[in-house]
């Protein structure tokens, strides 16, 4: 079941000195994105920041997941549930 594979969350408290061991990819991604934004693109306007981050995510995914990218997308899509019950658009409407 694809939904079970992607819906597991393992929350835990991590000591600051162990963060690099638990989340090594997070630090690599943050470092790479900062380098891209600071070194390559100078003076990014706030209105375009999301587009630059989208480009970074696309390139990162293509680099590290390559041919498996489509299969991963299908797995995530198959497990996606539309949950409209948690969306209350106008709480004050009666």
C-alpha atoms as a PDB file:
ATOM      1  CA  UNK A   1       0.000   0.000   0.000  1.00  0.00           C
ATOM      2  CA  UNK A   2       1.642   3.197  -1.203  1.00  0.00           C
ATOM      3  CA  UNK A   3      -0.320   5.415   1.195  1.00  0.00           C
ATOM      4  CA  UNK A   4       1.198   3.699   4.222  1.00  0.00           C
ATOM      5  CA  UNK A   5       4.717   4.056   2.857  1.00  0.00           C
ATOM      6  CA  UNK A   6       4.518   7.846   2.616  1.00  0.00           C
ATOM      7  CA  UNK A   7       2.285   8.677   5.579  1.00  0.00           C
ATOM      8  CA  UNK A   8       4.550   7.453   8.393  1.00  0.00           C
ATOM      9  CA  UNK A   9       6.016  10.204  10.529  1.00  0.00           C
ATOM     10  CA  UNK A  10       8.712   9.421  13.057  1.00  0.00           C
ATOM     11  CA  UNK A  11       8.995  12.428  15.362  1.00  0.00           C
ATOM     12  CA  UNK A  12      11.780  12.484  17.914  1.00  0.00           C
ATOM     13  CA  UNK A  13      13.918  14.892  19.884  1.00  0.00           C
ATOM     14  CA  UNK A  14      17.512  15.042  18.684  1.00  0.00           C
ATOM     15  CA  UNK A  15      20.482  16.482  20.535  1.00  0.00           C
ATOM     16  CA  UNK A  16      22.067  19.439  18.692  1.00  0.00           C
ATOM     17  CA  UNK A  17      25.374  17.591  18.274  1.00  0.00           C
ATOM     18  CA  UNK A  18      23.579  14.658  16.570  1.00  0.00           C
ATOM     19  CA  UNK A  19      21.542  16.670  14.050  1.00  0.00           C
ATOM     20  CA  UNK A  20      24.100  16.181  11.281  1.00  0.00           C
ATOM     21  CA  UNK A  21      23.869  12.405  11.738  1.00  0.00           C
ATOM     22  CA  UNK A  22      20.071  12.303  11.716  1.00  0.00           C
ATOM     23  CA  UNK A  23      19.419  14.841   8.967  1.00  0.00           C
ATOM     24  CA  UNK A  24      22.534  14.919   6.761  1.00  0.00           C
ATOM     25  CA  UNK A  25      20.629  15.577   3.521  1.00  0.00           C
ATOM     26  CA  UNK A  26      18.782  18.524   5.016  1.00  0.00           C
ATOM     27  CA  UNK A  27      22.051  20.337   5.650  1.00  0.00           C
ATOM     28  CA  UNK A  28      23.388  19.467   2.199  1.00  0.00           C
ATOM     29  CA  UNK A  29      20.233  20.749   0.502  1.00  0.00           C
ATOM     30  CA  UNK A  30      20.191  23.968   2.523  1.00  0.00           C
ATOM     31  CA  UNK A  31      23.879  24.569   1.798  1.00  0.00           C
ATOM     32  CA  UNK A  32      23.462  23.885  -1.932  1.00  0.00           C
ATOM     33  CA  UNK A  33      20.411  26.116  -2.225  1.00  0.00           C
ATOM     34  CA  UNK A  34      22.163  28.965  -0.412  1.00  0.00           C
ATOM     35  CA  UNK A  35      25.175  28.638  -2.702  1.00  0.00           C
ATOM     36  CA  UNK A  36      22.974  28.689  -5.781  1.00  0.00           C
ATOM     37  CA  UNK A  37      21.014  31.729  -4.671  1.00  0.00           C
ATOM     38  CA  UNK A  38      23.978  33.724  -3.376  1.00  0.00           C
ATOM     39  CA  UNK A  39      26.670  32.810  -5.917  1.00  0.00           C
ATOM     40  CA  UNK A  40      24.690  32.370  -9.116  1.00  0.00           C
ATOM     41  CA  UNK A  41      21.817  34.803  -8.761  1.00  0.00           C
ATOM     42  CA  UNK A  42      22.605  38.190  -7.289  1.00  0.00           C
ATOM     43  CA  UNK A  43      19.944  40.521  -5.970  1.00  0.00           C
ATOM     44  CA  UNK A  44      16.935  38.221  -6.132  1.00  0.00           C
ATOM     45  CA  UNK A  45      13.657  40.023  -5.697  1.00  0.00           C
ATOM     46  CA  UNK A  46      11.243  38.550  -3.174  1.00  0.00           C
ATOM     47  CA  UNK A  47       8.557  38.119  -5.827  1.00  0.00           C
ATOM     48  CA  UNK A  48      10.809  35.732  -7.824  1.00  0.00           C
ATOM     49  CA  UNK A  49      12.285  33.765  -4.909  1.00  0.00           C
ATOM     50  CA  UNK A  50       9.748  30.920  -5.147  1.00  0.00           C
ATOM     51  CA  UNK A  51      10.535  30.440  -8.838  1.00  0.00           C
ATOM     52  CA  UNK A  52      14.259  30.139  -8.095  1.00  0.00           C
ATOM     53  CA  UNK A  53      13.563  27.645  -5.300  1.00  0.00           C
ATOM     54  CA  UNK A  54      11.312  25.635  -7.626  1.00  0.00           C
ATOM     55  CA  UNK A  55      14.131  25.498 -10.169  1.00  0.00           C
ATOM     56  CA  UNK A  56      16.564  24.338  -7.481  1.00  0.00           C
ATOM     57  CA  UNK A  57      14.184  21.571  -6.343  1.00  0.00           C
ATOM     58  CA  UNK A  58      13.669  20.399  -9.914  1.00  0.00           C
ATOM     59  CA  UNK A  59      17.417  20.214 -10.585  1.00  0.00           C
ATOM     60  CA  UNK A  60      18.092  18.539  -7.236  1.00  0.00           C
ATOM     61  CA  UNK A  61      15.463  15.866  -7.852  1.00  0.00           C
ATOM     62  CA  UNK A  62      16.707  15.190 -11.382  1.00  0.00           C
ATOM     63  CA  UNK A  63      20.277  14.885 -10.143  1.00  0.00           C
ATOM     64  CA  UNK A  64      19.672  12.545  -7.213  1.00  0.00           C
ATOM     65  CA  UNK A  65      16.649  10.517  -8.342  1.00  0.00           C
ATOM     66  CA  UNK A  66      17.185  10.474 -12.109  1.00  0.00           C
ATOM     67  CA  UNK A  67      15.274   7.670 -13.777  1.00  0.00           C
ATOM     68  CA  UNK A  68      13.344   6.790 -10.606  1.00  0.00           C
ATOM     69  CA  UNK A  69      11.749  10.238 -10.443  1.00  0.00           C
ATOM     70  CA  UNK A  70       8.611   9.290 -12.390  1.00  0.00           C
ATOM     71  CA  UNK A  71       8.123   6.108 -10.364  1.00  0.00           C
ATOM     72  CA  UNK A  72       8.404   8.083  -7.130  1.00  0.00           C
ATOM     73  CA  UNK A  73       5.876  10.621  -8.414  1.00  0.00           C
ATOM     74  CA  UNK A  74       3.419   7.825  -9.232  1.00  0.00           C
ATOM     75  CA  UNK A  75       3.863   6.318  -5.758  1.00  0.00           C
ATOM     76  CA  UNK A  76       3.233   9.644  -4.030  1.00  0.00           C
ATOM     77  CA  UNK A  77       0.274  10.407  -6.290  1.00  0.00           C
ATOM     78  CA  UNK A  78      -1.278   7.001  -5.618  1.00  0.00           C
ATOM     79  CA  UNK A  79      -1.082   7.592  -1.877  1.00  0.00           C
ATOM     80  CA  UNK A  80      -2.434  11.139  -1.910  1.00  0.00           C
ATOM     81  CA  UNK A  81      -5.745  11.703  -0.166  1.00  0.00           C
ATOM     82  CA  UNK A  82      -7.828  14.787  -0.660  1.00  0.00           C
ATOM     83  CA  UNK A  83      -8.789  15.872   2.836  1.00  0.00           C
ATOM     84  CA  UNK A  84     -11.314  18.638   2.579  1.00  0.00           C
ATOM     85  CA  UNK A  85     -12.727  17.978   6.051  1.00  0.00           C
ATOM     86  CA  UNK A  86      -9.849  19.896   7.661  1.00  0.00           C
ATOM     87  CA  UNK A  87     -10.307  22.962   5.465  1.00  0.00           C
ATOM     88  CA  UNK A  88     -12.706  25.478   6.900  1.00  0.00           C
ATOM     89  CA  UNK A  89     -12.766  28.369   4.488  1.00  0.00           C
ATOM     90  CA  UNK A  90     -15.002  30.734   6.431  1.00  0.00           C
ATOM     91  CA  UNK A  91     -15.344  29.947  10.126  1.00  0.00           C
ATOM     92  CA  UNK A  92     -17.623  32.937  10.780  1.00  0.00           C
ATOM     93  CA  UNK A  93     -20.231  32.066   8.147  1.00  0.00           C
ATOM     94  CA  UNK A  94     -23.446  30.892   9.678  1.00  0.00           C
END
